[in-house]
C-alpha atoms as a PDB file:
ATOM      1  CA  MET A   1      28.090 -32.298   8.285  1.00  0.00           C
ATOM      2  CA  LEU A   2      24.784 -31.131   9.245  1.00  0.00           C
ATOM      3  CA  GLY A   3      21.825 -33.402   8.408  1.00  0.00           C
ATOM      4  CA  VAL A   4      20.487 -32.669   5.027  1.00  0.00           C
ATOM      5  CA  ASN A   5      17.029 -31.617   7.022  1.00  0.00           C
ATOM      6  CA  VAL A   6      19.020 -28.999   8.647  1.00  0.00           C
ATOM      7  CA  TRP A   7      20.656 -27.717   5.745  1.00  0.00           C
ATOM      8  CA  ARG A   8      16.990 -27.824   3.896  1.00  0.00           C
ATOM      9  CA  GLY A   9      16.312 -25.634   6.077  1.00  0.00           C
ATOM     10  CA  MET A  10      19.131 -22.921   6.818  1.00  0.00           C
ATOM     11  CA  LEU A  11      19.092 -22.766   2.655  1.00  0.00           C
ATOM     12  CA  GLY A  12      15.211 -22.542   2.285  1.00  0.00           C
ATOM     13  CA  VAL A  13      14.086 -25.180   0.005  1.00  0.00           C
ATOM     14  CA  ASP A  14      12.118 -27.998   0.118  1.00  0.00           C
ATOM     15  CA  ARG A  15      12.466 -31.842  -0.388  1.00  0.00           C
ATOM     16  CA  ALA A  16      12.087 -30.971  -4.109  1.00  0.00           C
ATOM     17  CA  THR A  17      15.831 -29.974  -3.945  1.00  0.00           C
ATOM     18  CA  VAL A  18      18.465 -32.445  -3.661  1.00  0.00           C
ATOM     19  CA  ILE A  19      21.730 -31.040  -1.698  1.00  0.00           C
ATOM     20  CA  GLU A  20      24.605 -32.648  -3.375  1.00  0.00           C
ATOM     21  CA  SER A  21      27.086 -30.511  -0.942  1.00  0.00           C
ATOM     22  CA  VAL A  22      28.176 -27.921   0.673  1.00  0.00           C
ATOM     23  CA  GLU A  23      31.398 -26.206   0.445  1.00  0.00           C
ATOM     24  CA  GLU A  24      33.410 -22.738   1.072  1.00  0.00           C
ATOM     25  CA  ASP A  25      34.297 -21.196  -2.014  1.00  0.00           C
ATOM     26  CA  GLY A  26      37.825 -19.332  -1.117  1.00  0.00           C
ATOM     27  CA  GLU A  27      36.203 -15.690  -1.271  1.00  0.00           C
ATOM     28  CA  GLY A  28      33.862 -16.373   2.101  1.00  0.00           C
ATOM     29  CA  SER A  29      31.056 -17.184   0.611  1.00  0.00           C
ATOM     30  CA  LEU A  30      29.197 -20.730   1.182  1.00  0.00           C
ATOM     31  CA  VAL A  31      28.252 -22.829  -1.686  1.00  0.00           C
ATOM     32  CA  ALA A  32      25.708 -25.440  -2.068  1.00  0.00           C
ATOM     33  CA  ARG A  33      25.313 -27.586  -5.390  1.00  0.00           C
ATOM     34  CA  VAL A  34      21.825 -28.625  -5.497  1.00  0.00           C
ATOM     35  CA  ARG A  35      19.646 -30.033  -7.992  1.00  0.00           C
ATOM     36  CA  PRO A  36      15.997 -30.805  -8.409  1.00  0.00           C
ATOM     37  CA  ARG A  37      15.113 -34.911  -7.977  1.00  0.00           C
ATOM     38  CA  ARG A  38      15.326 -36.954 -10.859  1.00  0.00           C
ATOM     39  CA  ASP A  39      11.640 -38.120 -10.585  1.00  0.00           C
ATOM     40  CA  SER A  40      10.446 -34.218 -11.178  1.00  0.00           C
ATOM     41  CA  LYS A  41       9.292 -33.615 -14.729  1.00  0.00           C
ATOM     42  CA  ARG A  42      11.073 -31.097 -16.473  1.00  0.00           C
ATOM     43  CA  ARG A  43       8.756 -27.436 -17.119  1.00  0.00           C
ATOM     44  CA  CYS A  44       9.170 -24.049 -18.630  1.00  0.00           C
ATOM     45  CA  GLY A  45      10.577 -21.764 -16.418  1.00  0.00           C
ATOM     46  CA  ARG A  46       7.941 -19.266 -17.652  1.00  0.00           C
ATOM     47  CA  CYS A  47       4.328 -20.844 -17.607  1.00  0.00           C
ATOM     48  CA  GLY A  48       5.058 -24.380 -15.809  1.00  0.00           C
ATOM     49  CA  VAL A  49       3.998 -26.218 -18.780  1.00  0.00           C
ATOM     50  CA  ARG A  50       5.780 -29.738 -18.925  1.00  0.00           C
ATOM     51  CA  ALA A  51       8.015 -29.614 -22.168  1.00  0.00           C
ATOM     52  CA  ALA A  52      10.806 -31.831 -23.678  1.00  0.00           C
ATOM     53  CA  GLY A  53      14.325 -30.945 -23.319  1.00  0.00           C
ATOM     54  CA  TYR A  54      16.484 -28.725 -25.317  1.00  0.00           C
ATOM     55  CA  ASP A  55      20.117 -28.518 -24.513  1.00  0.00           C
ATOM     56  CA  ARG A  56      22.240 -27.881 -21.647  1.00  0.00           C
ATOM     57  CA  GLY A  57      22.087 -24.295 -21.701  1.00  0.00           C
ATOM     58  CA  GLU A  58      24.869 -22.194 -20.307  1.00  0.00           C
ATOM     59  CA  GLY A  59      26.450 -24.436 -18.168  1.00  0.00           C
ATOM     60  CA  ARG A  60      25.907 -24.267 -14.328  1.00  0.00           C
ATOM     61  CA  ARG A  61      24.925 -20.958 -12.560  1.00  0.00           C
ATOM     62  CA  ARG A  62      24.134 -19.204  -8.826  1.00  0.00           C
ATOM     63  CA  TRP A  63      21.078 -17.995  -6.907  1.00  0.00           C
ATOM     64  CA  ARG A  64      21.805 -15.981  -3.918  1.00  0.00           C
ATOM     65  CA  ALA A  65      20.115 -17.707  -0.603  1.00  0.00           C
ATOM     66  CA  LEU A  66      19.308 -16.113   2.337  1.00  0.00           C
ATOM     67  CA  ASP A  67      22.770 -15.279   4.462  1.00  0.00           C
ATOM     68  CA  LEU A  68      24.117 -17.690   7.245  1.00  0.00           C
ATOM     69  CA  GLY A  69      25.149 -15.040   9.856  1.00  0.00           C
ATOM     70  CA  THR A  70      27.479 -12.786   7.826  1.00  0.00           C
ATOM     71  CA  VAL A  71      28.019 -15.344   5.536  1.00  0.00           C
ATOM     72  CA  LYS A  72      26.824 -14.841   1.686  1.00  0.00           C
ATOM     73  CA  CYS A  73      25.497 -18.018   0.533  1.00  0.00           C
ATOM     74  CA  TYR A  74      24.214 -19.209  -2.896  1.00  0.00           C
ATOM     75  CA  LEU A  75      22.839 -22.459  -4.675  1.00  0.00           C
ATOM     76  CA  GLU A  76      24.423 -23.694  -7.742  1.00  0.00           C
ATOM     77  CA  ALA A  77      22.894 -25.725 -10.556  1.00  0.00           C
ATOM     78  CA  GLU A  78      22.742 -26.625 -13.480  1.00  0.00           C
ATOM     79  CA  ALA A  79      20.889 -24.829 -15.521  1.00  0.00           C
ATOM     80  CA  PRO A  80      19.421 -26.342 -18.672  1.00  0.00           C
ATOM     81  CA  ARG A  81      16.571 -25.413 -21.276  1.00  0.00           C
ATOM     82  CA  VAL A  82      13.834 -27.063 -22.644  1.00  0.00           C
ATOM     83  CA  GLU A  83      11.447 -26.361 -25.694  1.00  0.00           C
ATOM     84  CA  CYS A  84       8.587 -24.973 -24.424  1.00  0.00           C
ATOM     85  CA  PRO A  85       5.407 -24.907 -26.519  1.00  0.00           C
ATOM     86  CA  GLU A  86       4.459 -21.544 -26.044  1.00  0.00           C
ATOM     87  CA  HIS A  87       8.003 -19.777 -25.587  1.00  0.00           C
ATOM     88  CA  GLY A  88      10.303 -21.707 -27.539  1.00  0.00           C
ATOM     89  CA  PRO A  89      13.738 -22.437 -25.737  1.00  0.00           C
ATOM     90  CA  THR A  90      13.622 -21.503 -21.921  1.00  0.00           C
ATOM     91  CA  VAL A  91      15.523 -22.096 -18.993  1.00  0.00           C
ATOM     92  CA  ALA A  92      13.843 -25.110 -17.413  1.00  0.00           C
ATOM     93  CA  GLN A  93      12.095 -24.540 -13.739  1.00  0.00           C
ATOM     94  CA  VAL A  94      13.819 -25.158 -10.331  1.00  0.00           C
ATOM     95  CA  PRO A  95      12.240 -25.332  -6.999  1.00  0.00           C
ATOM     96  CA  TRP A  96      14.068 -23.457  -5.463  1.00  0.00           C
ATOM     97  CA  ALA A  97      13.824 -19.826  -7.279  1.00  0.00           C
ATOM     98  CA  ARG A  98      11.303 -17.974  -9.533  1.00  0.00           C
ATOM     99  CA  HIS A  99      12.475 -17.775 -13.391  1.00  0.00           C
ATOM    100  CA  ASP A 100      14.977 -15.123 -14.473  1.00  0.00           C
ATOM    101  CA  ALA A 101      15.782 -14.528 -10.829  1.00  0.00           C
ATOM    102  CA  GLY A 102      19.067 -14.495  -9.078  1.00  0.00           C
ATOM    103  CA  HIS A 103      18.021 -15.318  -5.777  1.00  0.00           C
ATOM    104  CA  THR A 104      16.013 -17.990  -4.337  1.00  0.00           C
ATOM    105  CA  PHE A 105      12.161 -17.584  -3.342  1.00  0.00           C
ATOM    106  CA  ALA A 106      12.949 -17.528   0.413  1.00  0.00           C
ATOM    107  CA  PHE A 107      15.605 -14.341  -0.032  1.00  0.00           C
ATOM    108  CA  ASP A 108      12.937 -12.674  -2.321  1.00  0.00           C
ATOM    109  CA  ASP A 109      10.147 -13.137  -0.083  1.00  0.00           C
ATOM    110  CA  GLN A 110      11.946 -11.850   2.943  1.00  0.00           C
ATOM    111  CA  ALA A 111      13.533  -8.520   1.010  1.00  0.00           C
ATOM    112  CA  ALA A 112      10.193  -8.067  -0.685  1.00  0.00           C
ATOM    113  CA  TRP A 113       8.377  -7.922   3.419  1.00  0.00           C
ATOM    114  CA  LEU A 114      11.382  -5.358   4.445  1.00  0.00           C
ATOM    115  CA  VAL A 115      10.570  -3.206   2.120  1.00  0.00           C
ATOM    116  CA  THR A 116       7.402  -2.671   3.090  1.00  0.00           C
ATOM    117  CA  HIS A 117       8.310  -2.073   7.063  1.00  0.00           C
ATOM    118  CA  THR A 118      11.803  -0.146   6.513  1.00  0.00           C
ATOM    119  CA  ALA A 119      13.541   1.965   3.866  1.00  0.00           C
ATOM    120  CA  LYS A 120      14.655   0.943   0.690  1.00  0.00           C
ATOM    121  CA  SER A 121      17.934   1.958   1.456  1.00  0.00           C
ATOM    122  CA  THR A 122      18.462   0.212   4.910  1.00  0.00           C
ATOM    123  CA  LEU A 123      17.331  -2.811   2.998  1.00  0.00           C
ATOM    124  CA  CYS A 124      20.081  -2.616   0.677  1.00  0.00           C
ATOM    125  CA  GLU A 125      22.605  -2.259   3.286  1.00  0.00           C
ATOM    126  CA  LEU A 126      21.099  -4.702   5.302  1.00  0.00           C
ATOM    127  CA  MET A 127      20.391  -7.435   2.399  1.00  0.00           C
ATOM    128  CA  ARG A 128      23.748  -6.603   0.411  1.00  0.00           C
ATOM    129  CA  ILE A 129      21.797  -5.814  -2.630  1.00  0.00           C
ATOM    130  CA  ALA A 130      21.453  -2.846  -5.239  1.00  0.00           C
ATOM    131  CA  TRP A 131      19.097  -0.171  -5.663  1.00  0.00           C
ATOM    132  CA  ARG A 132      17.739  -1.497  -8.392  1.00  0.00           C
ATOM    133  CA  THR A 133      17.386  -5.406  -7.655  1.00  0.00           C
ATOM    134  CA  VAL A 134      14.792  -4.602  -4.845  1.00  0.00           C
ATOM    135  CA  GLY A 135      12.681  -2.962  -7.863  1.00  0.00           C
ATOM    136  CA  ALA A 136      13.433  -5.778  -9.378  1.00  0.00           C
ATOM    137  CA  ILE A 137      12.520  -8.505  -6.538  1.00  0.00           C
ATOM    138  CA  ILE A 138       9.494  -6.493  -5.840  1.00  0.00           C
ATOM    139  CA  ASP A 139       8.443  -7.032  -9.524  1.00  0.00           C
ATOM    140  CA  ARG A 140       8.464 -10.998  -9.234  1.00  0.00           C
ATOM    141  CA  VAL A 141       7.356 -11.331  -5.726  1.00  0.00           C
ATOM    142  CA  VAL A 142       4.001  -8.886  -7.067  1.00  0.00           C
ATOM    143  CA  ALA A 143       3.608 -10.715 -10.221  1.00  0.00           C
ATOM    144  CA  ASP A 144       3.821 -13.975  -8.443  1.00  0.00           C
ATOM    145  CA  GLY A 145       0.964 -12.888  -5.840  1.00  0.00           C
ATOM    146  CA  ARG A 146      -1.036 -11.520  -8.316  1.00  0.00           C
ATOM    147  CA  ALA A 147      -0.998 -14.571 -10.419  1.00  0.00           C
ATOM    148  CA  ALA A 148      -2.170 -17.004  -6.868  1.00  0.00           C
ATOM    149  CA  HIS A 149      -4.532 -14.013  -5.749  1.00  0.00           C
ATOM    150  CA  ASP A 150      -6.462 -11.718  -7.509  1.00  0.00           C
ATOM    151  CA  PRO A 151      -6.689  -8.315  -5.473  1.00  0.00           C
ATOM    152  CA  PHE A 152      -9.511  -7.164  -7.489  1.00  0.00           C
ATOM    153  CA  ASP A 153     -11.949 -10.064  -6.221  1.00  0.00           C
ATOM    154  CA  GLY A 154     -14.829  -9.952  -3.155  1.00  0.00           C
ATOM    155  CA  LEU A 155     -13.980  -5.949  -3.486  1.00  0.00           C
ATOM    156  CA  VAL A 156     -17.624  -3.936  -1.581  1.00  0.00           C
ATOM    157  CA  ARG A 157     -15.913  -1.297   0.265  1.00  0.00           C
ATOM    158  CA  ILE A 158     -12.630   0.532  -1.267  1.00  0.00           C
ATOM    159  CA  GLY A 159     -11.034   4.305  -0.535  1.00  0.00           C
ATOM    160  CA  LEU A 160      -9.817   6.251  -3.216  1.00  0.00           C
ATOM    161  CA  ASP A 161      -7.339   9.104  -2.781  1.00  0.00           C
ATOM    162  CA  GLU A 162      -4.182  10.806  -4.092  1.00  0.00           C
ATOM    163  CA  ILE A 163      -0.637  10.676  -2.431  1.00  0.00           C
ATOM    164  CA  SER A 164       2.458  13.007  -3.225  1.00  0.00           C
ATOM    165  CA  TYR A 165       6.382  12.110  -3.677  1.00  0.00           C
ATOM    166  CA  LYS A 166       9.343  13.575  -4.452  1.00  0.00           C
ATOM    167  CA  LYS A 167       8.740  16.401  -2.171  1.00  0.00           C
ATOM    168  CA  GLY A 168       4.915  17.054  -3.476  1.00  0.00           C
ATOM    169  CA  HIS A 169       6.126  17.484  -6.753  1.00  0.00           C
ATOM    170  CA  ARG A 170       4.567  13.898  -7.914  1.00  0.00           C
ATOM    171  CA  TYR A 171       1.023  12.377  -7.593  1.00  0.00           C
ATOM    172  CA  LEU A 172       0.207   7.991  -7.354  1.00  0.00           C
ATOM    173  CA  THR A 173      -3.367   7.795  -7.491  1.00  0.00           C
ATOM    174  CA  ILE A 174      -4.077   4.711  -5.273  1.00  0.00           C
ATOM    175  CA  ALA A 175      -7.138   2.572  -4.271  1.00  0.00           C
ATOM    176  CA  VAL A 176      -7.116   0.065  -1.458  1.00  0.00           C
ATOM    177  CA  ASP A 177      -9.805  -2.137   0.120  1.00  0.00           C
ATOM    178  CA  HIS A 178     -11.249  -1.738   3.330  1.00  0.00           C
ATOM    179  CA  ASP A 179     -12.176  -4.926   4.123  1.00  0.00           C
ATOM    180  CA  SER A 180      -8.449  -6.179   4.076  1.00  0.00           C
ATOM    181  CA  GLY A 181      -7.008  -3.046   4.933  1.00  0.00           C
ATOM    182  CA  ARG A 182      -4.522  -3.632   2.214  1.00  0.00           C
ATOM    183  CA  LEU A 183      -3.282  -1.420  -0.925  1.00  0.00           C
ATOM    184  CA  ILE A 184      -4.894  -2.876  -4.301  1.00  0.00           C
ATOM    185  CA  TRP A 185      -4.112  -0.463  -7.316  1.00  0.00           C
ATOM    186  CA  ALA A 186      -2.151   2.272  -7.540  1.00  0.00           C
ATOM    187  CA  ALA A 187      -0.972   4.904 -10.941  1.00  0.00           C
ATOM    188  CA  VAL A 188       1.464   8.118 -11.756  1.00  0.00           C
ATOM    189  CA  GLY A 189      -0.820  11.088 -11.586  1.00  0.00           C
ATOM    190  CA  LYS A 190      -3.810  12.293 -10.202  1.00  0.00           C
ATOM    191  CA  THR A 191      -6.449  12.919 -12.999  1.00  0.00           C
ATOM    192  CA  LYS A 192      -9.347  11.516 -14.445  1.00  0.00           C
ATOM    193  CA  GLN A 193      -7.758   8.704 -16.802  1.00  0.00           C
ATOM    194  CA  ALA A 194      -5.361   7.583 -13.951  1.00  0.00           C
ATOM    195  CA  LEU A 195      -8.602   6.780 -12.305  1.00  0.00           C
ATOM    196  CA  GLU A 196     -10.673   5.270 -15.547  1.00  0.00           C
ATOM    197  CA  GLU A 197      -7.637   2.569 -15.496  1.00  0.00           C
ATOM    198  CA  PHE A 198      -8.312   1.322 -11.981  1.00  0.00           C
ATOM    199  CA  PHE A 199     -12.096   0.749 -13.152  1.00  0.00           C
ATOM    200  CA  ASP A 200     -11.126  -0.183 -16.513  1.00  0.00           C
ATOM    201  CA  GLN A 201      -8.963  -3.153 -15.066  1.00  0.00           C
ATOM    202  CA  LEU A 202     -11.740  -3.554 -12.432  1.00  0.00           C
ATOM    203  CA  GLY A 203     -14.532  -4.833 -15.128  1.00  0.00           C
ATOM    204  CA  GLU A 204     -18.140  -4.030 -15.337  1.00  0.00           C
ATOM    205  CA  GLU A 205     -18.923  -6.213 -13.366  1.00  0.00           C
ATOM    206  CA  ARG A 206     -16.885  -5.970  -9.971  1.00  0.00           C
ATOM    207  CA  CYS A 207     -17.845  -2.270 -10.485  1.00  0.00           C
ATOM    208  CA  LYS A 208     -21.546  -2.830  -9.864  1.00  0.00           C
ATOM    209  CA  GLN A 209     -20.511  -5.245  -6.792  1.00  0.00           C
ATOM    210  CA  ILE A 210     -19.172  -2.021  -5.309  1.00  0.00           C
ATOM    211  CA  ARG A 211     -20.959  -0.273  -2.552  1.00  0.00           C
ATOM    212  CA  LEU A 212     -19.203   2.090  -0.785  1.00  0.00           C
ATOM    213  CA  VAL A 213     -16.796   4.264  -2.033  1.00  0.00           C
ATOM    214  CA  SER A 214     -14.516   6.786   0.433  1.00  0.00           C
ATOM    215  CA  ALA A 215     -12.488  10.109  -0.627  1.00  0.00           C
ATOM    216  CA  ASP A 216     -11.629  13.491  -0.225  1.00  0.00           C
ATOM    217  CA  ALA A 217     -14.364  16.191  -2.553  1.00  0.00           C
ATOM    218  CA  ALA A 218     -12.396  16.288  -5.093  1.00  0.00           C
ATOM    219  CA  GLU A 219     -14.745  16.534  -8.120  1.00  0.00           C
ATOM    220  CA  TRP A 220     -12.554  14.333 -10.918  1.00  0.00           C
ATOM    221  CA  ILE A 221     -12.946  11.158  -7.897  1.00  0.00           C
ATOM    222  CA  ALA A 222     -16.449  11.744  -7.640  1.00  0.00           C
ATOM    223  CA  GLU A 223     -17.405  11.842 -11.238  1.00  0.00           C
ATOM    224  CA  VAL A 224     -15.448   8.827 -12.209  1.00  0.00           C
ATOM    225  CA  VAL A 225     -17.269   6.876  -8.856  1.00  0.00           C
ATOM    226  CA  HIS A 226     -20.701   8.441  -9.927  1.00  0.00           C
ATOM    227  CA  GLU A 227     -19.934   7.017 -13.969  1.00  0.00           C
ATOM    228  CA  ARG A 228     -18.667   3.626 -13.193  1.00  0.00           C
ATOM    229  CA  CYS A 229     -20.120   2.654 -10.058  1.00  0.00           C
ATOM    230  CA  VAL A 230     -23.867   3.002  -9.998  1.00  0.00           C
ATOM    231  CA  ASN A 231     -24.480   1.051  -6.889  1.00  0.00           C
ATOM    232  CA  ALA A 232     -22.116   3.098  -4.587  1.00  0.00           C
ATOM    233  CA  THR A 233     -22.614   5.039  -2.082  1.00  0.00           C
ATOM    234  CA  LEU A 234     -19.687   7.784  -1.839  1.00  0.00           C
ATOM    235  CA  CYS A 235     -18.686   9.265   1.545  1.00  0.00           C
ATOM    236  CA  THR A 236     -15.782  11.358   3.152  1.00  0.00           C
ATOM    237  CA  ASP A 237     -12.660   9.250   4.525  1.00  0.00           C
ATOM    238  CA  GLY A 238     -11.981  10.188   7.888  1.00  0.00           C
ATOM    239  CA  PHE A 239      -8.439  11.821   7.270  1.00  0.00           C
ATOM    240  CA  HIS A 240     -10.104  14.838   4.836  1.00  0.00           C
ATOM    241  CA  VAL A 241     -12.775  14.169   7.932  1.00  0.00           C
ATOM    242  CA  VAL A 242     -10.718  15.457  10.888  1.00  0.00           C
ATOM    243  CA  GLN A 243      -8.585  18.092   8.814  1.00  0.00           C
ATOM    244  CA  TRP A 244     -11.322  19.988   7.595  1.00  0.00           C
ATOM    245  CA  ALA A 245     -13.528  20.024  10.939  1.00  0.00           C
ATOM    246  CA  THR A 246     -10.097  20.845  12.764  1.00  0.00           C
ATOM    247  CA  ASP A 247      -9.177  24.153  10.522  1.00  0.00           C
ATOM    248  CA  ALA A 248     -12.854  25.293  10.976  1.00  0.00           C
ATOM    249  CA  LEU A 249     -12.744  24.812  14.619  1.00  0.00           C
ATOM    250  CA  ASP A 250      -9.030  26.429  14.759  1.00  0.00           C
ATOM    251  CA  GLU A 251     -10.658  29.584  12.808  1.00  0.00           C
ATOM    252  CA  VAL A 252     -13.647  29.597  15.347  1.00  0.00           C
ATOM    253  CA  ARG A 253     -11.193  29.332  18.383  1.00  0.00           C
ATOM    254  CA  ARG A 254      -9.233  32.658  16.966  1.00  0.00           C
ATOM    255  CA  GLU A 255     -12.873  34.670  16.701  1.00  0.00           C
ATOM    256  CA  VAL A 256     -13.912  33.363  20.457  1.00  0.00           C
ATOM    257  CA  TRP A 257     -10.590  34.355  21.690  1.00  0.00           C
ATOM    258  CA  ASN A 258     -10.721  37.990  20.205  1.00  0.00           C
ATOM    259  CA  THR A 259     -14.434  38.208  20.860  1.00  0.00           C
ATOM    260  CA  ALA A 260     -13.514  37.297  24.547  1.00  0.00           C
ATOM    261  CA  ARG A 261     -10.803  39.542  25.012  1.00  0.00           C
ATOM    262  CA  GLN A 262     -12.935  42.779  23.470  1.00  0.00           C
ATOM    263  CA  ALA A 263     -15.855  41.902  26.093  1.00  0.00           C
ATOM    264  CA  GLY A 264     -12.921  42.334  28.750  1.00  0.00           C
ATOM    265  CA  MET A 265     -11.219  38.952  29.302  1.00  0.00           C
ATOM    266  CA  LYS A 266      -8.173  39.690  31.192  1.00  0.00           C
ATOM    267  CA  THR A 267      -4.691  38.581  30.741  1.00  0.00           C
ATOM    268  CA  ALA A 268      -3.275  35.044  31.905  1.00  0.00           C
ATOM    269  CA  ARG A 269      -2.248  34.552  35.715  1.00  0.00           C
ATOM    270  CA  PRO A 270       1.379  33.830  35.555  1.00  0.00           C
ATOM    271  CA  GLY A 271       2.248  29.865  34.781  1.00  0.00           C
ATOM    272  CA  ALA A 272      -1.528  29.164  33.360  1.00  0.00           C
ATOM    273  CA  GLN A 273      -0.371  30.067  29.566  1.00  0.00           C
ATOM    274  CA  GLY A 274      -3.535  29.915  27.475  1.00  0.00           C
ATOM    275  CA  ARG A 275      -6.318  29.829  30.227  1.00  0.00           C
ATOM    276  CA  PRO A 276      -7.254  33.637  30.834  1.00  0.00           C
ATOM    277  CA  LEU A 277      -8.943  34.490  34.179  1.00  0.00           C
ATOM    278  CA  LEU A 278     -12.608  35.951  33.397  1.00  0.00           C
ATOM    279  CA  ALA A 279     -12.964  39.021  35.561  1.00  0.00           C
ATOM    280  CA  LEU A 280     -16.734  39.899  33.753  1.00  0.00           C
ATOM    281  CA  ASP A 281     -19.882  41.161  35.065  1.00  0.00           C
ATOM    282  CA  GLU A 282     -23.185  39.015  34.806  1.00  0.00           C
ATOM    283  CA  ARG A 283     -24.208  41.136  31.568  1.00  0.00           C
ATOM    284  CA  ARG A 284     -20.974  40.565  29.659  1.00  0.00           C
ATOM    285  CA  ARG A 285     -20.603  36.506  30.496  1.00  0.00           C
ATOM    286  CA  ARG A 286     -24.215  36.076  28.873  1.00  0.00           C
ATOM    287  CA  GLY A 287     -22.965  38.460  25.998  1.00  0.00           C
ATOM    288  CA  LEU A 288     -19.851  36.118  25.705  1.00  0.00           C
ATOM    289  CA  GLY A 289     -21.894  33.084  26.479  1.00  0.00           C
ATOM    290  CA  ALA A 290     -24.189  34.154  23.089  1.00  0.00           C
ATOM    291  CA  ALA A 291     -21.101  35.245  21.099  1.00  0.00           C
ATOM    292  CA  ILE A 292     -19.455  31.522  21.611  1.00  0.00           C
ATOM    293  CA  ALA A 293     -22.671  29.740  21.047  1.00  0.00           C
ATOM    294  CA  ASP A 294     -22.870  31.554  17.514  1.00  0.00           C
ATOM    295  CA  GLN A 295     -19.383  30.578  16.966  1.00  0.00           C
ATOM    296  CA  SER A 296     -20.179  26.843  17.414  1.00  0.00           C
ATOM    297  CA  GLU A 297     -23.277  27.029  14.819  1.00  0.00           C
ATOM    298  CA  ARG A 298     -20.456  28.301  12.362  1.00  0.00           C
ATOM    299  CA  VAL A 299     -18.672  25.371  12.424  1.00  0.00           C
ATOM    300  CA  PRO A 300     -20.308  23.077   9.833  1.00  0.00           C
ATOM    301  CA  ARG A 301     -21.193  26.259   7.730  1.00  0.00           C
ATOM    302  CA  LEU A 302     -17.074  26.697   7.572  1.00  0.00           C
ATOM    303  CA  VAL A 303     -16.102  23.217   6.666  1.00  0.00           C
ATOM    304  CA  GLU A 304     -18.750  23.759   3.798  1.00  0.00           C
ATOM    305  CA  ALA A 305     -17.338  26.730   2.480  1.00  0.00           C
ATOM    306  CA  ARG A 306     -13.975  24.967   2.543  1.00  0.00           C
ATOM    307  CA  ARG A 307     -15.362  22.577  -0.012  1.00  0.00           C
ATOM    308  CA  PRO A 308     -17.387  24.559  -2.656  1.00  0.00           C
ATOM    309  CA  GLY A 309     -19.722  22.194  -4.563  1.00  0.00           C
ATOM    310  CA  ALA A 310     -20.542  19.500  -2.052  1.00  0.00           C
ATOM    311  CA  THR A 311     -23.112  19.302   0.361  1.00  0.00           C
ATOM    312  CA  PHE A 312     -21.992  18.366   4.026  1.00  0.00           C
ATOM    313  CA  GLY A 313     -24.454  17.067   6.775  1.00  0.00           C
ATOM    314  CA  PHE A 314     -23.287  16.705  10.310  1.00  0.00           C
ATOM    315  CA  LEU A 315     -24.918  13.690  11.571  1.00  0.00           C
ATOM    316  CA  ALA A 316     -25.925  12.222  14.193  1.00  0.00           C
ATOM    317  CA  GLN A 317     -23.081  10.138  14.532  1.00  0.00           C
ATOM    318  CA  ARG A 318     -20.678  13.198  14.552  1.00  0.00           C
ATOM    319  CA  ARG A 319     -19.620  12.154  11.191  1.00  0.00           C
ATOM    320  CA  TRP A 320     -19.195  14.456   7.831  1.00  0.00           C
ATOM    321  CA  VAL A 321     -20.568  13.290   4.745  1.00  0.00           C
ATOM    322  CA  PHE A 322     -19.903  13.669   1.299  1.00  0.00           C
ATOM    323  CA  GLU A 323     -22.787  14.081  -0.937  1.00  0.00           C
ATOM    324  CA  PRO A 324     -22.256  14.690  -4.792  1.00  0.00           C
ATOM    325  CA  ALA A 325     -25.540  14.757  -7.184  1.00  0.00           C
ATOM    326  CA  GLY A 326     -27.098  11.498  -7.283  1.00  0.00           C
ATOM    327  CA  PHE A 327     -25.621   9.847  -4.393  1.00  0.00           C
ATOM    328  CA  ARG A 328     -27.302   9.095  -0.963  1.00  0.00           C
ATOM    329  CA  SER A 329     -25.584  10.104   2.143  1.00  0.00           C
ATOM    330  CA  SER A 330     -24.173   7.728   4.653  1.00  0.00           C
ATOM    331  CA  SER A 331     -21.592   8.020   7.604  1.00  0.00           C
ATOM    332  CA  LEU A 332     -19.033   5.406   7.485  1.00  0.00           C
ATOM    333  CA  ARG A 333     -19.410   2.607   9.669  1.00  0.00           C
END
């Protein structure tokens, strides 16, 4: 039999777990019989408070561990209940799994990591779990992470936007922390009420600490930010800056092309698609240059026209800034 330390590493447990035996269950799976250390105190599985024993529960149960190669692996142990002062009779805490989970810490954590890097269907096939099980694992891991770390702590620069799903028929309003690059909040819908929920969770004091909010030019976002983040500067995010400027440049490009053709531009050389040969006299060249210069000055006006109700400035840093009433203009840094 392999050493105990090797089995601990393979099963994903620590020294708080005693491995009694490891054997095959006759169905092609590996079962490790484990128990908490005898000197560990019984605690409530929900809150972790020390509590007296209540009964032996429903007997032995299993937790799915990470597969060993292609072989499924389980931890099996007693599941006694304790009398928690707050939650009443509750299954006792175990050192290898979260409360009310059918998988070990290592299994849950790996599944949660994979779901952020691959498709959910791929995860289900790789880990050999059901679609609904993935959602339950995410809920447990996220709740555990939020209990250990407040995602709203120290927010100074945030981004707000909405994204579509279900082929564009449904929307999520999301908030990200620019300093950490992490998603910190999301809710169904793209309404003022949905965004108000975020700032309600954030609290008045933390709202005052926010110094910069990036978003698109949606008026409903600007109104909520203006009301709740009194010390913040609201500016456009990079994605929409590029999108609006690209659309405006495409329109100018088409007009310049039409102007050039009307001025006498000939067709392109063979094999030089999109690069026409100019065969113009000096007078026509000067006229075409003036037309191009005039069109280039129209880009800021075109972008502004695409977002009525907002003022845009083309800064020296070549960055667009959304400046609703009551906010200072500032470039993104």
